[in-house]
Amino acid sequence: DDQTLLFPGHNYGGPFSTLGDEKRQNPFLRFASLGDFLRAMGGGRIVLP
C-alpha cells in the first residue's frame, strides 16, 4: 500500500515518509532488476571503513 508509513533509521530529511513517496522519489527503488541494483552498489561487496 503506497500509504504505508516509513520511519528512517537515520537523519534523512524528515521523521517519516510513505512507501508511495519513496517509490516516486528514491532512485535506489528504481532499478529494473536485482542485478542492476547490485552492480550499482559495487557488486554486493561492502567496504568497511
N, C-alpha and C. Protein backbone atom coordinates (compact mmCIF):
# COMPACT_ATOMS: atom_id res chain seq x y z
N ASP A 1 0.85 -1.17 0.00
CA ASP A 1 0.00 0.00 0.00
C ASP A 1 0.90 1.24 0.00
N ASP A 2 0.70 2.12 -0.94
CA ASP A 2 1.54 3.32 -1.07
C ASP A 2 1.38 4.29 0.09
N GLN A 3 0.38 4.11 0.93
CA GLN A 3 0.20 4.99 2.10
C GLN A 3 0.91 4.47 3.35
N THR A 4 1.58 3.32 3.22
CA THR A 4 2.31 2.76 4.36
C THR A 4 3.37 3.74 4.82
N LEU A 5 3.40 4.03 6.12
CA LEU A 5 4.38 4.96 6.67
C LEU A 5 5.72 4.27 6.86
N LEU A 6 6.79 5.00 6.53
CA LEU A 6 8.16 4.54 6.71
C LEU A 6 8.86 5.51 7.64
N PHE A 7 9.59 4.97 8.59
CA PHE A 7 10.32 5.79 9.55
C PHE A 7 11.81 5.49 9.39
N PRO A 8 12.60 6.47 8.89
CA PRO A 8 14.01 6.21 8.63
C PRO A 8 14.79 5.96 9.92
N GLY A 9 15.83 5.15 9.80
CA GLY A 9 16.67 4.84 10.95
C GLY A 9 17.80 5.84 11.14
N HIS A 10 17.92 6.81 10.25
CA HIS A 10 18.96 7.82 10.32
C HIS A 10 18.33 9.17 9.98
N ASN A 11 19.11 10.22 10.02
CA ASN A 11 18.60 11.56 9.70
C ASN A 11 18.57 11.75 8.18
N TYR A 12 17.46 11.43 7.57
CA TYR A 12 17.31 11.54 6.12
C TYR A 12 16.26 12.57 5.73
N GLY A 13 16.27 13.72 6.33
CA GLY A 13 15.42 14.80 5.89
C GLY A 13 14.11 14.97 6.62
N GLY A 14 13.47 13.92 7.03
CA GLY A 14 12.20 14.05 7.71
C GLY A 14 11.97 12.89 8.65
N PRO A 15 11.00 13.04 9.55
CA PRO A 15 10.76 11.99 10.53
C PRO A 15 10.05 10.76 9.95
N PHE A 16 9.39 10.92 8.79
CA PHE A 16 8.71 9.79 8.16
C PHE A 16 8.46 10.10 6.70
N SER A 17 8.10 9.07 5.96
CA SER A 17 7.73 9.19 4.55
C SER A 17 6.67 8.13 4.30
N THR A 18 6.19 8.03 3.07
CA THR A 18 5.29 6.95 2.71
C THR A 18 5.95 6.09 1.64
N LEU A 19 5.51 4.87 1.52
CA LEU A 19 6.06 3.98 0.50
C LEU A 19 5.86 4.57 -0.89
N GLY A 20 4.71 5.18 -1.13
CA GLY A 20 4.44 5.80 -2.42
C GLY A 20 5.40 6.93 -2.73
N ASP A 21 5.67 7.79 -1.73
CA ASP A 21 6.63 8.88 -1.93
C ASP A 21 8.01 8.33 -2.25
N GLU A 22 8.43 7.31 -1.52
CA GLU A 22 9.76 6.74 -1.75
C GLU A 22 9.86 6.09 -3.12
N LYS A 23 8.81 5.42 -3.56
CA LYS A 23 8.82 4.80 -4.90
C LYS A 23 8.95 5.86 -5.99
N ARG A 24 8.39 7.04 -5.75
CA ARG A 24 8.47 8.13 -6.73
C ARG A 24 9.79 8.89 -6.65
N GLN A 25 10.36 9.04 -5.46
CA GLN A 25 11.49 9.95 -5.26
C GLN A 25 12.84 9.28 -5.02
N ASN A 26 12.86 8.05 -4.56
CA ASN A 26 14.11 7.40 -4.17
C ASN A 26 14.72 6.66 -5.36
N PRO A 27 15.87 7.13 -5.86
CA PRO A 27 16.48 6.49 -7.03
C PRO A 27 16.90 5.05 -6.77
N PHE A 28 17.11 4.67 -5.52
CA PHE A 28 17.51 3.30 -5.21
C PHE A 28 16.35 2.31 -5.35
N LEU A 29 15.14 2.81 -5.50
CA LEU A 29 13.99 1.94 -5.70
C LEU A 29 13.57 1.88 -7.17
N ARG A 30 14.39 2.41 -8.06
CA ARG A 30 14.03 2.47 -9.48
C ARG A 30 14.82 1.52 -10.37
N PHE A 31 15.62 0.64 -9.80
CA PHE A 31 16.39 -0.31 -10.60
C PHE A 31 15.45 -1.33 -11.22
N ALA A 32 15.75 -1.73 -12.46
CA ALA A 32 14.89 -2.67 -13.18
C ALA A 32 15.03 -4.09 -12.65
N SER A 33 16.18 -4.39 -12.04
CA SER A 33 16.39 -5.76 -11.56
C SER A 33 17.32 -5.76 -10.35
N LEU A 34 17.35 -6.87 -9.66
CA LEU A 34 18.27 -7.03 -8.54
C LEU A 34 19.71 -6.93 -9.02
N GLY A 35 19.99 -7.50 -10.18
CA GLY A 35 21.34 -7.43 -10.74
C GLY A 35 21.78 -6.00 -10.98
N ASP A 36 20.89 -5.17 -11.52
CA ASP A 36 21.22 -3.75 -11.74
C ASP A 36 21.51 -3.05 -10.41
N PHE A 37 20.72 -3.35 -9.40
CA PHE A 37 20.93 -2.75 -8.08
C PHE A 37 22.28 -3.17 -7.51
N LEU A 38 22.59 -4.47 -7.58
CA LEU A 38 23.86 -4.96 -7.03
C LEU A 38 25.05 -4.37 -7.76
N ARG A 39 24.97 -4.22 -9.09
CA ARG A 39 26.06 -3.60 -9.85
C ARG A 39 26.27 -2.15 -9.40
N ALA A 40 25.19 -1.42 -9.21
CA ALA A 40 25.29 -0.03 -8.77
C ALA A 40 25.87 0.08 -7.36
N MET A 41 25.65 -0.95 -6.56
CA MET A 41 26.14 -0.97 -5.18
C MET A 41 27.53 -1.60 -5.07
N GLY A 42 28.22 -1.74 -6.19
CA GLY A 42 29.57 -2.30 -6.14
C GLY A 42 29.61 -3.81 -6.17
N GLY A 43 28.63 -4.41 -6.79
CA GLY A 43 28.63 -5.86 -6.91
C GLY A 43 28.29 -6.59 -5.63
N GLY A 44 27.72 -5.89 -4.68
CA GLY A 44 27.35 -6.53 -3.42
C GLY A 44 28.48 -6.59 -2.41
N ARG A 45 29.63 -6.05 -2.76
CA ARG A 45 30.77 -6.03 -1.84
C ARG A 45 30.64 -4.83 -0.91
N ILE A 46 30.80 -5.06 0.35
CA ILE A 46 30.74 -3.99 1.34
C ILE A 46 32.17 -3.63 1.73
N VAL A 47 32.50 -2.36 1.62
CA VAL A 47 33.82 -1.88 2.01
C VAL A 47 33.73 -1.34 3.43
N LEU A 48 34.50 -1.93 4.30
CA LEU A 48 34.49 -1.49 5.69
C LEU A 48 35.37 -0.26 5.85
N PRO A 49 34.98 0.67 6.71
CA PRO A 49 35.78 1.89 6.92
C PRO A 49 37.10 1.58 7.61
